[in-house]
C-alpha atoms as a PDB file:
ATOM      1  CA  MET A   1     -12.022  -6.809  53.002  1.00  0.00           C
ATOM      2  CA  GLU A   2      -9.910  -3.909  51.591  1.00  0.00           C
ATOM      3  CA  ASP A   3      -6.745  -5.844  52.699  1.00  0.00           C
ATOM      4  CA  GLY A   4      -7.462  -8.738  50.775  1.00  0.00           C
ATOM      5  CA  ARG A   5      -8.220  -6.773  47.662  1.00  0.00           C
ATOM      6  CA  GLU A   6      -4.845  -4.792  48.153  1.00  0.00           C
ATOM      7  CA  ALA A   7      -3.050  -8.089  48.736  1.00  0.00           C
ATOM      8  CA  ASN A   8      -4.270  -9.331  45.184  1.00  0.00           C
ATOM      9  CA  LEU A   9      -3.489  -6.176  43.704  1.00  0.00           C
ATOM     10  CA  ARG A  10       0.090  -6.122  44.715  1.00  0.00           C
ATOM     11  CA  LEU A  11       0.515  -9.606  43.502  1.00  0.00           C
ATOM     12  CA  LEU A  12      -1.209  -8.717  40.261  1.00  0.00           C
ATOM     13  CA  ALA A  13       1.270  -5.709  39.051  1.00  0.00           C
ATOM     14  CA  PRO A  14       4.312  -8.036  38.945  1.00  0.00           C
ATOM     15  CA  VAL A  15       2.560 -10.679  37.113  1.00  0.00           C
ATOM     16  CA  ALA A  16       1.331  -8.060  34.463  1.00  0.00           C
ATOM     17  CA  VAL A  17       4.789  -6.623  34.102  1.00  0.00           C
ATOM     18  CA  GLY A  18       6.203  -9.971  33.509  1.00  0.00           C
ATOM     19  CA  THR A  19       3.612 -10.928  31.016  1.00  0.00           C
ATOM     20  CA  PHE A  20       3.990  -7.822  29.216  1.00  0.00           C
ATOM     21  CA  ALA A  21       7.815  -8.207  29.119  1.00  0.00           C
ATOM     22  CA  ILE A  22       7.781 -11.910  27.961  1.00  0.00           C
ATOM     23  CA  LEU A  23       4.888 -10.683  25.141  1.00  0.00           C
ATOM     24  CA  PHE A  24       7.246  -7.908  24.000  1.00  0.00           C
ATOM     25  CA  LEU A  25      10.076 -10.206  23.715  1.00  0.00           C
ATOM     26  CA  ILE A  26       8.279 -12.427  21.605  1.00  0.00           C
ATOM     27  CA  VAL A  27       6.927  -9.695  19.284  1.00  0.00           C
ATOM     28  CA  VAL A  28      10.548  -8.276  18.941  1.00  0.00           C
ATOM     29  CA  LEU A  29      12.197 -11.910  18.230  1.00  0.00           C
ATOM     30  CA  SER A  30       9.621 -12.776  15.664  1.00  0.00           C
ATOM     31  CA  SER A  31       9.936  -9.495  13.790  1.00  0.00           C
ATOM     32  CA  GLY A  32      13.371 -10.098  12.915  1.00  0.00           C
ATOM     33  CA  ALA A  33      14.837  -7.139  15.112  1.00  0.00           C
ATOM     34  CA  LEU A  34      17.684  -8.788  16.399  1.00  0.00           C
ATOM     35  CA  VAL A  35      21.026  -7.062  16.192  1.00  0.00           C
ATOM     36  CA  GLY A  36      22.880  -8.318  13.239  1.00  0.00           C
ATOM     37  CA  GLY A  37      19.367  -8.796  11.337  1.00  0.00           C
ATOM     38  CA  GLY A  38      19.470 -12.587  12.319  1.00  0.00           C
ATOM     39  CA  SER A  39      16.074 -14.116  12.995  1.00  0.00           C
ATOM     40  CA  VAL A  40      14.604 -17.587  13.910  1.00  0.00           C
ATOM     41  CA  GLU A  41      12.551 -19.374  11.004  1.00  0.00           C
ATOM     42  CA  SER A  42      11.178 -22.430  10.162  1.00  0.00           C
ATOM     43  CA  SER A  43      12.530 -24.484   7.314  1.00  0.00           C
ATOM     44  CA  SER A  44       9.646 -23.685   5.056  1.00  0.00           C
ATOM     45  CA  GLU A  45      10.534 -19.872   5.648  1.00  0.00           C
ATOM     46  CA  SER A  46      14.253 -20.501   4.875  1.00  0.00           C
ATOM     47  CA  GLY A  47      13.305 -22.351   1.400  1.00  0.00           C
ATOM     48  CA  ASP A  48      11.057 -19.349   0.619  1.00  0.00           C
ATOM     49  CA  ARG A  49      13.907 -16.801   1.482  1.00  0.00           C
ATOM     50  CA  SER A  50      16.223 -18.662  -0.662  1.00  0.00           C
ATOM     51  CA  SER A  51      14.268 -18.394  -3.837  1.00  0.00           C
ATOM     52  CA  GLU A  52      13.779 -14.957  -3.130  1.00  0.00           C
ATOM     53  CA  ARG A  53      17.403 -14.439  -2.705  1.00  0.00           C
ATOM     54  CA  SER A  54      18.206 -16.544  -6.272  1.00  0.00           C
ATOM     55  CA  SER A  55      15.411 -14.216  -8.081  1.00  0.00           C
ATOM     56  CA  ARG A  56      17.255 -10.954  -6.549  1.00  0.00           C
ATOM     57  CA  GLY A  57      20.246 -12.345  -7.751  1.00  0.00           C
ATOM     58  CA  GLU A  58      19.036 -13.228 -11.395  1.00  0.00           C
ATOM     59  CA  ARG A  59      17.695  -9.658 -11.345  1.00  0.00           C
ATOM     60  CA  ARG A  60      20.984  -8.162 -10.493  1.00  0.00           C
ATOM     61  CA  GLY A  61      22.766 -10.219 -13.158  1.00  0.00           C
ATOM     62  CA  ARG A  62      20.462  -8.645 -15.905  1.00  0.00           C
ATOM     63  CA  LEU A  63      21.139  -5.160 -14.431  1.00  0.00           C
ATOM     64  CA  ARG A  64      24.950  -5.590 -14.544  1.00  0.00           C
ATOM     65  CA  GLY A  65      25.165  -4.589 -18.114  1.00  0.00           C
ATOM     66  CA  ARG A  66      23.426  -1.325 -18.103  1.00  0.00           C
ATOM     67  CA  ALA A  67      25.529   1.934 -19.199  1.00  0.00           C
ATOM     68  CA  THR A  68      24.307   4.187 -16.442  1.00  0.00           C
ATOM     69  CA  TYR A  69      23.207   4.096 -12.515  1.00  0.00           C
ATOM     70  CA  ARG A  70      21.183   6.350 -10.596  1.00  0.00           C
ATOM     71  CA  VAL A  71      22.644   6.939  -7.135  1.00  0.00           C
ATOM     72  CA  LYS A  72      20.571   5.853  -4.020  1.00  0.00           C
ATOM     73  CA  ALA A  73      20.747   7.124  -0.544  1.00  0.00           C
ATOM     74  CA  GLY A  74      23.708   5.528   1.066  1.00  0.00           C
ATOM     75  CA  ASP A  75      25.473   4.297  -1.935  1.00  0.00           C
ATOM     76  CA  THR A  76      29.239   4.622  -2.341  1.00  0.00           C
ATOM     77  CA  LEU A  77      31.310   4.052  -5.151  1.00  0.00           C
ATOM     78  CA  GLY A  78      32.542   0.939  -4.072  1.00  0.00           C
ATOM     79  CA  SER A  79      29.089  -0.592  -3.265  1.00  0.00           C
ATOM     80  CA  ILE A  80      28.067   0.808  -6.636  1.00  0.00           C
ATOM     81  CA  ALA A  81      31.157  -0.769  -8.527  1.00  0.00           C
ATOM     82  CA  SER A  82      30.663  -4.154  -6.796  1.00  0.00           C
ATOM     83  CA  ARG A  83      26.989  -4.323  -7.729  1.00  0.00           C
ATOM     84  CA  ASN A  84      27.785  -3.461 -11.280  1.00  0.00           C
ATOM     85  CA  ASP A  85      30.925  -5.348 -11.957  1.00  0.00           C
ATOM     86  CA  THR A  86      33.095  -2.784 -12.559  1.00  0.00           C
ATOM     87  CA  THR A  87      35.842  -0.776 -10.502  1.00  0.00           C
ATOM     88  CA  ILE A  88      35.975   2.376  -8.686  1.00  0.00           C
ATOM     89  CA  GLU A  89      38.683   3.486 -10.858  1.00  0.00           C
ATOM     90  CA  ARG A  90      36.681   2.904 -14.059  1.00  0.00           C
ATOM     91  CA  ILE A  91      33.712   4.786 -12.646  1.00  0.00           C
ATOM     92  CA  GLU A  92      35.926   7.853 -11.815  1.00  0.00           C
ATOM     93  CA  GLU A  93      37.523   7.475 -15.357  1.00  0.00           C
ATOM     94  CA  LEU A  94      34.046   7.552 -17.113  1.00  0.00           C
ATOM     95  CA  ASN A  95      32.825  10.465 -14.741  1.00  0.00           C
ATOM     96  CA  PRO A  96      35.950  12.761 -14.427  1.00  0.00           C
ATOM     97  CA  GLU A  97      33.547  15.416 -12.961  1.00  0.00           C
ATOM     98  CA  LEU A  98      32.245  13.094 -10.080  1.00  0.00           C
ATOM     99  CA  ASP A  99      33.409  13.684  -6.555  1.00  0.00           C
ATOM    100  CA  PRO A 100      32.993  10.478  -4.587  1.00  0.00           C
ATOM    101  CA  GLN A 101      32.698  12.329  -1.340  1.00  0.00           C
ATOM    102  CA  THR A 102      29.510  14.277  -2.604  1.00  0.00           C
ATOM    103  CA  LEU A 103      27.342  11.448  -4.139  1.00  0.00           C
ATOM    104  CA  THR A 104      23.570  12.522  -3.907  1.00  0.00           C
ATOM    105  CA  ALA A 105      20.725  10.306  -4.218  1.00  0.00           C
ATOM    106  CA  GLY A 106      19.140  10.595  -7.765  1.00  0.00           C
ATOM    107  CA  GLN A 107      22.486  11.753  -9.487  1.00  0.00           C
ATOM    108  CA  LYS A 108      23.106   9.697 -12.673  1.00  0.00           C
ATOM    109  CA  ILE A 109      26.578   8.221 -13.231  1.00  0.00           C
ATOM    110  CA  LYS A 110      28.206   6.282 -16.304  1.00  0.00           C
ATOM    111  CA  LEU A 111      29.241   2.663 -15.572  1.00  0.00           C
ATOM    112  CA  ARG A 112      29.877   1.637 -19.296  1.00  0.00           C
ATOM    113  CA  GLU A 113      30.729   3.476 -22.748  1.00  0.00           C
END
């Protein structure tokens, strides 16, 4: 009788590992954690996402006229300039004390006069 149970357990282990691997892949793929940030989505989800993008674009448009900007972690002068319709040179001109290599989160910089 013990031999039958051992044989069943030996078959059960690889099946359990395979099931776990499949479930893990399903969770990873559905969470959008793919390299490059790509994901599989249905047509209704893509419509929702496009409306989110357009509202973000409208919000960015409203913010482009602001005179100052508070630096966020990971910002560069190039990214700040492109998001705020200005140039790196203009930011440097308005902020002569600014060192582009030492931008810190929370630092406030002028974008317009």
